[in-house]
Amino acid sequence: MALNKEHELHSRRKGRNIGLGLVLGGFVVLVLALTMVKVTSNGFNFPSELSQGTN
């Protein structure tokens, strides 16, 4: 038996936090997928300044 009963506010906040975490995780996956598609495409070239190594 729990000593303190969980308040209704905490359960709503927990649900909101889980939802926000899923949205943020989905955004990270989307950015990662777009980056992988861009890098693995045939037309991707590094900028000329970085590929020559000159400062």
N, C-alpha and C. Protein backbone atom coordinates (compact mmCIF):
# COMPACT_ATOMS: atom_id res chain seq x y z
N MET A 1 0.84 -1.18 0.00
CA MET A 1 0.00 0.00 0.00
C MET A 1 0.89 1.25 0.00
N ALA A 2 0.60 2.16 -0.88
CA ALA A 2 1.39 3.38 -1.00
C ALA A 2 1.08 4.32 0.16
N LEU A 3 2.12 5.00 0.63
CA LEU A 3 1.92 5.95 1.70
C LEU A 3 1.22 7.21 1.20
N ASN A 4 1.61 7.65 0.01
CA ASN A 4 0.99 8.86 -0.56
C ASN A 4 0.25 8.48 -1.83
N LYS A 5 -0.98 8.92 -1.92
CA LYS A 5 -1.77 8.68 -3.10
C LYS A 5 -1.36 9.68 -4.18
N GLU A 6 -1.15 9.19 -5.42
CA GLU A 6 -0.74 10.07 -6.51
C GLU A 6 -1.89 10.98 -6.89
N HIS A 7 -1.58 12.25 -6.96
CA HIS A 7 -2.60 13.24 -7.30
C HIS A 7 -2.91 13.16 -8.79
N GLU A 8 -4.11 13.57 -9.15
CA GLU A 8 -4.57 13.53 -10.54
C GLU A 8 -3.71 14.43 -11.42
N LEU A 9 -3.20 15.50 -10.88
CA LEU A 9 -2.33 16.41 -11.62
C LEU A 9 -1.05 15.71 -12.08
N HIS A 10 -0.50 14.87 -11.24
CA HIS A 10 0.73 14.15 -11.58
C HIS A 10 0.50 13.17 -12.73
N SER A 11 -0.62 12.52 -12.74
CA SER A 11 -0.89 11.57 -13.83
C SER A 11 -1.09 12.30 -15.16
N ARG A 12 -1.73 13.47 -15.14
CA ARG A 12 -1.88 14.25 -16.38
C ARG A 12 -0.52 14.76 -16.85
N ARG A 13 0.31 15.21 -15.92
CA ARG A 13 1.63 15.72 -16.28
C ARG A 13 2.50 14.60 -16.84
N LYS A 14 2.39 13.41 -16.26
CA LYS A 14 3.15 12.27 -16.76
C LYS A 14 2.74 11.93 -18.19
N GLY A 15 1.45 11.94 -18.47
CA GLY A 15 0.97 11.68 -19.82
C GLY A 15 1.45 12.72 -20.81
N ARG A 16 1.45 13.98 -20.40
CA ARG A 16 1.94 15.06 -21.26
C ARG A 16 3.43 14.91 -21.51
N ASN A 17 4.19 14.55 -20.49
CA ASN A 17 5.63 14.36 -20.65
C ASN A 17 5.94 13.21 -21.60
N ILE A 18 5.19 12.13 -21.50
CA ILE A 18 5.40 10.99 -22.41
C ILE A 18 5.08 11.41 -23.84
N GLY A 19 4.00 12.13 -24.03
CA GLY A 19 3.64 12.60 -25.36
C GLY A 19 4.69 13.53 -25.95
N LEU A 20 5.19 14.46 -25.15
CA LEU A 20 6.21 15.38 -25.61
C LEU A 20 7.51 14.64 -25.92
N GLY A 21 7.84 13.66 -25.12
CA GLY A 21 9.04 12.85 -25.38
C GLY A 21 8.93 12.10 -26.69
N LEU A 22 7.75 11.56 -26.99
CA LEU A 22 7.55 10.86 -28.26
C LEU A 22 7.65 11.81 -29.45
N VAL A 23 7.09 13.01 -29.30
CA VAL A 23 7.18 14.00 -30.38
C VAL A 23 8.63 14.41 -30.61
N LEU A 24 9.37 14.67 -29.56
CA LEU A 24 10.77 15.05 -29.70
C LEU A 24 11.60 13.92 -30.29
N GLY A 25 11.33 12.69 -29.85
CA GLY A 25 12.02 11.53 -30.41
C GLY A 25 11.72 11.36 -31.90
N GLY A 26 10.47 11.58 -32.29
CA GLY A 26 10.11 11.52 -33.70
C GLY A 26 10.82 12.58 -34.52
N PHE A 27 10.97 13.77 -33.95
CA PHE A 27 11.68 14.85 -34.64
C PHE A 27 13.15 14.49 -34.84
N VAL A 28 13.77 13.91 -33.83
CA VAL A 28 15.17 13.49 -33.94
C VAL A 28 15.32 12.43 -35.02
N VAL A 29 14.41 11.47 -35.07
CA VAL A 29 14.46 10.43 -36.09
C VAL A 29 14.28 11.04 -37.47
N LEU A 30 13.37 12.00 -37.61
CA LEU A 30 13.15 12.66 -38.89
C LEU A 30 14.40 13.39 -39.37
N VAL A 31 15.04 14.14 -38.48
CA VAL A 31 16.26 14.87 -38.85
C VAL A 31 17.37 13.89 -39.21
N LEU A 32 17.51 12.82 -38.46
CA LEU A 32 18.52 11.81 -38.76
C LEU A 32 18.26 11.16 -40.12
N ALA A 33 17.02 10.85 -40.41
CA ALA A 33 16.68 10.22 -41.69
C ALA A 33 16.95 11.18 -42.85
N LEU A 34 16.57 12.44 -42.71
CA LEU A 34 16.83 13.41 -43.77
C LEU A 34 18.33 13.61 -43.99
N THR A 35 19.09 13.62 -42.91
CA THR A 35 20.54 13.75 -43.02
C THR A 35 21.15 12.56 -43.73
N MET A 36 20.70 11.36 -43.39
CA MET A 36 21.24 10.15 -44.03
C MET A 36 20.90 10.12 -45.51
N VAL A 37 19.70 10.54 -45.87
CA VAL A 37 19.30 10.57 -47.28
C VAL A 37 20.16 11.57 -48.04
N LYS A 38 20.40 12.72 -47.44
CA LYS A 38 21.19 13.74 -48.13
C LYS A 38 22.64 13.29 -48.28
N VAL A 39 23.24 12.73 -47.27
CA VAL A 39 24.64 12.33 -47.30
C VAL A 39 24.85 11.14 -48.24
N THR A 40 23.92 10.22 -48.29
CA THR A 40 24.10 9.03 -49.12
C THR A 40 23.66 9.24 -50.56
N SER A 41 23.13 10.42 -50.88
CA SER A 41 22.73 10.67 -52.27
C SER A 41 23.98 10.86 -53.12
N ASN A 42 23.87 10.62 -54.42
CA ASN A 42 25.01 10.71 -55.32
C ASN A 42 25.48 12.14 -55.53
N GLY A 43 24.64 13.11 -55.36
CA GLY A 43 24.99 14.49 -55.62
C GLY A 43 25.63 15.21 -54.45
N PHE A 44 25.89 14.52 -53.34
CA PHE A 44 26.45 15.18 -52.16
C PHE A 44 27.94 15.41 -52.33
N ASN A 45 28.39 16.65 -52.14
CA ASN A 45 29.81 17.00 -52.17
C ASN A 45 30.13 17.84 -50.96
N PHE A 46 31.32 17.61 -50.38
CA PHE A 46 31.76 18.45 -49.29
C PHE A 46 32.10 19.83 -49.83
N PRO A 47 31.94 20.86 -49.03
CA PRO A 47 32.34 22.19 -49.49
C PRO A 47 33.83 22.21 -49.83
N SER A 48 34.21 23.00 -50.82
CA SER A 48 35.60 22.99 -51.31
C SER A 48 36.60 23.43 -50.24
N GLU A 49 36.22 24.34 -49.35
CA GLU A 49 37.15 24.80 -48.30
C GLU A 49 37.51 23.66 -47.36
N LEU A 50 36.52 22.84 -47.02
CA LEU A 50 36.77 21.77 -46.06
C LEU A 50 37.51 20.60 -46.69
N SER A 51 37.25 20.32 -47.95
CA SER A 51 37.88 19.15 -48.57
C SER A 51 39.34 19.40 -48.91
N GLN A 52 39.76 20.67 -49.11
CA GLN A 52 41.16 20.97 -49.44
C GLN A 52 42.02 21.03 -48.17
N GLY A 53 41.43 21.33 -47.05
CA GLY A 53 42.17 21.38 -45.81
C GLY A 53 42.98 22.64 -45.62
N THR A 54 42.70 23.70 -46.35
CA THR A 54 43.43 24.95 -46.21
C THR A 54 42.73 25.84 -45.19
N ASN A 55 43.52 26.58 -44.45
CA ASN A 55 42.96 27.50 -43.45
C ASN A 55 43.27 28.91 -43.82
